[in-house]
Amino acid sequence: MDFLSSVLGRMNGFLYRCRADEHYTMLDMTDGIQRIFGYPTDEIVGNRVRTFTSIMCEEDVPAMDAVVGKALESRTDWTLEYRIRHNSGHFIWVTETGGGVWDENGELLYLEGSIVNIESLYQRIDEQTADMRATASRTAENPAFAALPETARRQRRYRGGACRNGRCRLCRTRLGDAHPCQ
């Protein structure tokens, strides 16, 4: 197996080259689009069956247009995250790094780059922050917390109710005892 086939076969995404038009009409793309997102390459290249923007989350398209437009104006690369709809209907978070390719006269020829599935990263972050979100929710609903002045509530949220000298700064409860502010 040659180097490119081997590496691209392991890539959790795909490489692309497309036009700088409203649909990001694909001129060429690697088969990772089918392996990861369930769309045959030949359906998207040349907008034969669907456009690339039609598989993106509709609400992410304006942000993508803005980021790509700004990068093209300054002739720099872009990196952004957005969602692609899998062929079965669910969304998958991706990160894209791309850039424009210009000819010797400065005319934009096409865009090219890579799109990588980062869904597992978002899932891990969500799992890791679930306990923090639950604690924050319980704390915000606690009547003792709600009775505190706003400045104390902000301190509690941002400093986690750090204890000093063996006592909670907010409620003065000794460490190890139940905190009424938690």
C-alpha atoms as a PDB file:
ATOM      1  CA  MET A   1       0.000   0.000   0.000  1.00  0.00           C
ATOM      2  CA  ASP A   2       1.377   3.421  -0.867  1.00  0.00           C
ATOM      3  CA  PHE A   3       1.986   6.107   1.758  1.00  0.00           C
ATOM      4  CA  LEU A   4      -0.968   8.394   0.911  1.00  0.00           C
ATOM      5  CA  SER A   5      -3.499   5.563   0.747  1.00  0.00           C
ATOM      6  CA  SER A   6      -2.272   4.229   4.060  1.00  0.00           C
ATOM      7  CA  VAL A   7      -2.372   7.575   5.874  1.00  0.00           C
ATOM      8  CA  LEU A   8      -5.684   8.699   4.354  1.00  0.00           C
ATOM      9  CA  GLY A   9      -7.232   5.342   5.246  1.00  0.00           C
ATOM     10  CA  ARG A  10      -6.464   6.041   8.911  1.00  0.00           C
ATOM     11  CA  MET A  11      -7.637   9.639   8.838  1.00  0.00           C
ATOM     12  CA  ASN A  12     -10.856  10.290  10.751  1.00  0.00           C
ATOM     13  CA  GLY A  13     -11.982  12.719   8.080  1.00  0.00           C
ATOM     14  CA  PHE A  14     -11.147  13.730   4.531  1.00  0.00           C
ATOM     15  CA  LEU A  15      -9.214  16.119   2.307  1.00  0.00           C
ATOM     16  CA  TYR A  16     -10.973  18.318  -0.212  1.00  0.00           C
ATOM     17  CA  ARG A  17     -10.593  20.824  -3.009  1.00  0.00           C
ATOM     18  CA  CYS A  18     -13.627  22.950  -3.848  1.00  0.00           C
ATOM     19  CA  ARG A  19     -14.807  26.094  -5.594  1.00  0.00           C
ATOM     20  CA  ALA A  20     -15.249  29.298  -3.646  1.00  0.00           C
ATOM     21  CA  ASP A  21     -18.958  29.447  -4.426  1.00  0.00           C
ATOM     22  CA  GLU A  22     -22.081  29.498  -2.270  1.00  0.00           C
ATOM     23  CA  HIS A  23     -22.260  25.677  -2.140  1.00  0.00           C
ATOM     24  CA  TYR A  24     -18.511  25.023  -1.770  1.00  0.00           C
ATOM     25  CA  THR A  25     -18.846  22.835  -4.863  1.00  0.00           C
ATOM     26  CA  MET A  26     -16.426  19.962  -4.395  1.00  0.00           C
ATOM     27  CA  LEU A  27     -13.936  19.377  -7.184  1.00  0.00           C
ATOM     28  CA  ASP A  28     -12.171  16.493  -5.463  1.00  0.00           C
ATOM     29  CA  MET A  29     -12.301  14.816  -2.078  1.00  0.00           C
ATOM     30  CA  THR A  30     -10.923  11.700  -0.457  1.00  0.00           C
ATOM     31  CA  ASP A  31     -13.124   8.748   0.448  1.00  0.00           C
ATOM     32  CA  GLY A  32     -13.165   9.601   4.179  1.00  0.00           C
ATOM     33  CA  ILE A  33     -16.429  11.426   3.492  1.00  0.00           C
ATOM     34  CA  GLN A  34     -18.045   8.042   2.860  1.00  0.00           C
ATOM     35  CA  ARG A  35     -16.225   6.143   5.591  1.00  0.00           C
ATOM     36  CA  ILE A  36     -16.966   8.702   8.325  1.00  0.00           C
ATOM     37  CA  PHE A  37     -20.156  10.462   7.204  1.00  0.00           C
ATOM     38  CA  GLY A  38     -21.852   7.882   4.967  1.00  0.00           C
ATOM     39  CA  TYR A  39     -21.962   9.904   1.729  1.00  0.00           C
ATOM     40  CA  PRO A  40     -20.477   8.454  -1.457  1.00  0.00           C
ATOM     41  CA  THR A  41     -17.839  10.848  -2.801  1.00  0.00           C
ATOM     42  CA  ASP A  42     -19.365  10.884  -6.281  1.00  0.00           C
ATOM     43  CA  GLU A  43     -22.667  12.223  -4.907  1.00  0.00           C
ATOM     44  CA  ILE A  44     -21.005  15.382  -3.551  1.00  0.00           C
ATOM     45  CA  VAL A  45     -18.273  16.071  -6.138  1.00  0.00           C
ATOM     46  CA  GLY A  46     -19.740  18.486  -8.657  1.00  0.00           C
ATOM     47  CA  ASN A  47     -22.988  18.681  -6.624  1.00  0.00           C
ATOM     48  CA  ARG A  48     -24.231  15.590  -8.495  1.00  0.00           C
ATOM     49  CA  VAL A  49     -26.739  14.564  -5.821  1.00  0.00           C
ATOM     50  CA  ARG A  50     -26.180  17.048  -2.990  1.00  0.00           C
ATOM     51  CA  THR A  51     -24.090  20.102  -2.218  1.00  0.00           C
ATOM     52  CA  PHE A  52     -21.562  20.245   0.565  1.00  0.00           C
ATOM     53  CA  THR A  53     -23.535  22.968   2.328  1.00  0.00           C
ATOM     54  CA  SER A  54     -26.616  20.724   2.243  1.00  0.00           C
ATOM     55  CA  ILE A  55     -24.904  18.258   4.599  1.00  0.00           C
ATOM     56  CA  MET A  56     -23.739  20.993   6.969  1.00  0.00           C
ATOM     57  CA  CYS A  57     -25.832  22.088   9.923  1.00  0.00           C
ATOM     58  CA  GLU A  58     -27.834  24.950   8.425  1.00  0.00           C
ATOM     59  CA  GLU A  59     -27.172  27.281  11.348  1.00  0.00           C
ATOM     60  CA  ASP A  60     -23.378  26.789  10.989  1.00  0.00           C
ATOM     61  CA  VAL A  61     -23.177  27.876   7.329  1.00  0.00           C
ATOM     62  CA  PRO A  62     -23.216  31.688   7.947  1.00  0.00           C
ATOM     63  CA  ALA A  63     -20.347  31.412  10.445  1.00  0.00           C
ATOM     64  CA  MET A  64     -18.366  29.297   8.005  1.00  0.00           C
ATOM     65  CA  ASP A  65     -18.964  31.798   5.207  1.00  0.00           C
ATOM     66  CA  ALA A  66     -17.760  34.641   7.441  1.00  0.00           C
ATOM     67  CA  VAL A  67     -14.600  32.836   8.597  1.00  0.00           C
ATOM     68  CA  VAL A  68     -13.687  31.668   5.084  1.00  0.00           C
ATOM     69  CA  GLY A  69     -14.418  35.111   3.608  1.00  0.00           C
ATOM     70  CA  LYS A  70     -12.242  36.881   6.174  1.00  0.00           C
ATOM     71  CA  ALA A  71      -9.375  34.415   5.635  1.00  0.00           C
ATOM     72  CA  LEU A  72      -9.568  34.805   1.861  1.00  0.00           C
ATOM     73  CA  GLU A  73      -9.509  38.607   2.154  1.00  0.00           C
ATOM     74  CA  SER A  74      -6.308  38.415   4.191  1.00  0.00           C
ATOM     75  CA  ARG A  75      -4.952  35.414   2.247  1.00  0.00           C
ATOM     76  CA  THR A  76      -4.542  33.360   5.386  1.00  0.00           C
ATOM     77  CA  ASP A  77      -5.698  29.877   6.348  1.00  0.00           C
ATOM     78  CA  TRP A  78      -8.766  29.273   8.481  1.00  0.00           C
ATOM     79  CA  THR A  79      -9.663  26.800  11.176  1.00  0.00           C
ATOM     80  CA  LEU A  80     -13.205  26.417  12.449  1.00  0.00           C
ATOM     81  CA  GLU A  81     -15.574  23.896  13.992  1.00  0.00           C
ATOM     82  CA  TYR A  82     -19.037  23.080  12.718  1.00  0.00           C
ATOM     83  CA  ARG A  83     -21.411  20.160  12.296  1.00  0.00           C
ATOM     84  CA  ILE A  84     -21.934  17.810   9.358  1.00  0.00           C
ATOM     85  CA  ARG A  85     -25.088  15.724   9.146  1.00  0.00           C
ATOM     86  CA  HIS A  86     -24.271  12.021   8.852  1.00  0.00           C
ATOM     87  CA  ASN A  87     -26.168  10.207   6.113  1.00  0.00           C
ATOM     88  CA  SER A  88     -28.265   8.548   8.854  1.00  0.00           C
ATOM     89  CA  GLY A  89     -29.390  11.967  10.169  1.00  0.00           C
ATOM     90  CA  HIS A  90     -27.335  12.754  13.304  1.00  0.00           C
ATOM     91  CA  PHE A  91     -24.799  15.577  13.460  1.00  0.00           C
ATOM     92  CA  ILE A  92     -21.054  15.090  13.863  1.00  0.00           C
ATOM     93  CA  TRP A  93     -18.745  17.875  15.034  1.00  0.00           C
ATOM     94  CA  VAL A  94     -15.776  18.507  12.743  1.00  0.00           C
ATOM     95  CA  THR A  95     -12.825  20.847  12.604  1.00  0.00           C
ATOM     96  CA  GLU A  96     -11.762  22.227   9.263  1.00  0.00           C
ATOM     97  CA  THR A  97      -8.433  23.752   8.334  1.00  0.00           C
ATOM     98  CA  GLY A  98      -8.291  25.206   4.856  1.00  0.00           C
ATOM     99  CA  GLY A  99      -7.039  27.946   2.633  1.00  0.00           C
ATOM    100  CA  GLY A 100      -7.281  29.505  -0.775  1.00  0.00           C
ATOM    101  CA  VAL A 101      -5.060  28.667  -3.734  1.00  0.00           C
ATOM    102  CA  TRP A 102      -4.278  31.543  -6.108  1.00  0.00           C
ATOM    103  CA  ASP A 103      -2.704  31.595  -9.553  1.00  0.00           C
ATOM    104  CA  GLU A 104       0.313  33.690 -10.529  1.00  0.00           C
ATOM    105  CA  ASN A 105      -1.984  36.638 -11.367  1.00  0.00           C
ATOM    106  CA  GLY A 106      -3.549  36.598  -7.920  1.00  0.00           C
ATOM    107  CA  GLU A 107      -6.849  35.031  -9.039  1.00  0.00           C
ATOM    108  CA  LEU A 108      -8.437  32.615  -6.580  1.00  0.00           C
ATOM    109  CA  LEU A 109      -8.481  29.158  -8.160  1.00  0.00           C
ATOM    110  CA  TYR A 110     -10.084  27.062  -5.418  1.00  0.00           C
ATOM    111  CA  LEU A 111     -10.158  26.226  -1.718  1.00  0.00           C
ATOM    112  CA  GLU A 112      -8.560  23.161  -0.220  1.00  0.00           C
ATOM    113  CA  GLY A 113      -8.066  21.669   3.179  1.00  0.00           C
ATOM    114  CA  SER A 114      -8.929  18.940   5.637  1.00  0.00           C
ATOM    115  CA  ILE A 115     -12.056  18.155   7.637  1.00  0.00           C
ATOM    116  CA  VAL A 116     -11.644  15.929  10.682  1.00  0.00           C
ATOM    117  CA  ASN A 117     -14.290  14.307  12.894  1.00  0.00           C
ATOM    118  CA  ILE A 118     -13.911  15.656  16.455  1.00  0.00           C
ATOM    119  CA  GLU A 119     -17.188  14.254  17.817  1.00  0.00           C
ATOM    120  CA  SER A 120     -15.374  11.998  20.294  1.00  0.00           C
ATOM    121  CA  LEU A 121     -13.575  15.057  21.708  1.00  0.00           C
ATOM    122  CA  TYR A 122     -16.884  16.856  22.249  1.00  0.00           C
ATOM    123  CA  GLN A 123     -18.344  13.739  23.866  1.00  0.00           C
ATOM    124  CA  ARG A 124     -15.391  13.437  26.265  1.00  0.00           C
ATOM    125  CA  ILE A 125     -15.665  17.124  27.198  1.00  0.00           C
ATOM    126  CA  ASP A 126     -19.396  16.705  27.765  1.00  0.00           C
ATOM    127  CA  GLU A 127     -18.829  13.651  29.980  1.00  0.00           C
ATOM    128  CA  GLN A 128     -16.074  15.378  31.938  1.00  0.00           C
ATOM    129  CA  THR A 129     -18.138  18.496  32.566  1.00  0.00           C
ATOM    130  CA  ALA A 130     -21.421  16.703  33.378  1.00  0.00           C
ATOM    131  CA  ASP A 131     -20.587  16.520  37.104  1.00  0.00           C
ATOM    132  CA  MET A 132     -19.615  20.198  37.159  1.00  0.00           C
ATOM    133  CA  ARG A 133     -22.880  21.196  35.467  1.00  0.00           C
ATOM    134  CA  ALA A 134     -24.893  19.073  37.927  1.00  0.00           C
ATOM    135  CA  THR A 135     -23.089  20.603  40.915  1.00  0.00           C
ATOM    136  CA  ALA A 136     -23.573  24.114  39.552  1.00  0.00           C
ATOM    137  CA  SER A 137     -27.273  23.412  39.072  1.00  0.00           C
ATOM    138  CA  ARG A 138     -27.688  22.049  42.600  1.00  0.00           C
ATOM    139  CA  THR A 139     -25.764  24.982  44.068  1.00  0.00           C
ATOM    140  CA  ALA A 140     -27.803  27.564  42.183  1.00  0.00           C
ATOM    141  CA  GLU A 141     -31.059  25.949  43.391  1.00  0.00           C
ATOM    142  CA  ASN A 142     -29.991  25.791  47.067  1.00  0.00           C
ATOM    143  CA  PRO A 143     -31.979  28.336  49.138  1.00  0.00           C
ATOM    144  CA  ALA A 144     -28.921  29.185  51.258  1.00  0.00           C
ATOM    145  CA  PHE A 145     -27.035  30.055  48.089  1.00  0.00           C
ATOM    146  CA  ALA A 146     -29.922  32.087  46.693  1.00  0.00           C
ATOM    147  CA  ALA A 147     -30.094  34.135  49.939  1.00  0.00           C
ATOM    148  CA  LEU A 148     -26.464  35.235  49.621  1.00  0.00           C
ATOM    149  CA  PRO A 149     -25.756  38.676  48.208  1.00  0.00           C
ATOM    150  CA  GLU A 150     -24.909  38.623  44.489  1.00  0.00           C
ATOM    151  CA  THR A 151     -21.207  39.300  45.128  1.00  0.00           C
ATOM    152  CA  ALA A 152     -20.976  36.246  47.382  1.00  0.00           C
ATOM    153  CA  ARG A 153     -22.786  34.116  44.806  1.00  0.00           C
ATOM    154  CA  ARG A 154     -20.310  35.251  42.157  1.00  0.00           C
ATOM    155  CA  GLN A 155     -17.403  34.398  44.448  1.00  0.00           C
ATOM    156  CA  ARG A 156     -18.932  31.002  45.110  1.00  0.00           C
ATOM    157  CA  ARG A 157     -19.378  30.300  41.399  1.00  0.00           C
ATOM    158  CA  TYR A 158     -15.968  31.515  40.298  1.00  0.00           C
ATOM    159  CA  ARG A 159     -13.847  30.492  43.220  1.00  0.00           C
ATOM    160  CA  GLY A 160     -15.666  27.311  44.138  1.00  0.00           C
ATOM    161  CA  GLY A 161     -16.237  28.383  47.741  1.00  0.00           C
ATOM    162  CA  ALA A 162     -12.565  27.924  48.555  1.00  0.00           C
ATOM    163  CA  CYS A 163     -11.924  27.277  52.221  1.00  0.00           C
ATOM    164  CA  ARG A 164      -9.456  29.152  54.386  1.00  0.00           C
ATOM    165  CA  ASN A 165      -8.152  28.249  57.805  1.00  0.00           C
ATOM    166  CA  GLY A 166     -10.260  25.106  57.844  1.00  0.00           C
ATOM    167  CA  ARG A 167     -13.547  26.985  57.304  1.00  0.00           C
ATOM    168  CA  CYS A 168     -15.671  27.821  54.296  1.00  0.00           C
ATOM    169  CA  ARG A 169     -15.244  31.480  53.344  1.00  0.00           C
ATOM    170  CA  LEU A 170     -18.956  31.892  52.710  1.00  0.00           C
ATOM    171  CA  CYS A 171     -20.722  30.054  55.498  1.00  0.00           C
ATOM    172  CA  ARG A 172     -17.802  29.639  57.926  1.00  0.00           C
ATOM    173  CA  THR A 173     -18.649  25.928  58.352  1.00  0.00           C
ATOM    174  CA  ARG A 174     -15.699  23.752  59.355  1.00  0.00           C
ATOM    175  CA  LEU A 175     -14.175  21.511  56.701  1.00  0.00           C
ATOM    176  CA  GLY A 176     -15.740  18.061  56.764  1.00  0.00           C
ATOM    177  CA  ASP A 177     -19.117  19.372  57.972  1.00  0.00           C
ATOM    178  CA  ALA A 178     -22.067  19.776  55.626  1.00  0.00           C
ATOM    179  CA  HIS A 179     -21.938  23.214  54.028  1.00  0.00           C
ATOM    180  CA  PRO A 180     -25.282  25.019  53.896  1.00  0.00           C
ATOM    181  CA  CYS A 181     -23.977  26.964  50.891  1.00  0.00           C
ATOM    182  CA  GLN A 182     -23.390  23.826  48.843  1.00  0.00           C
END
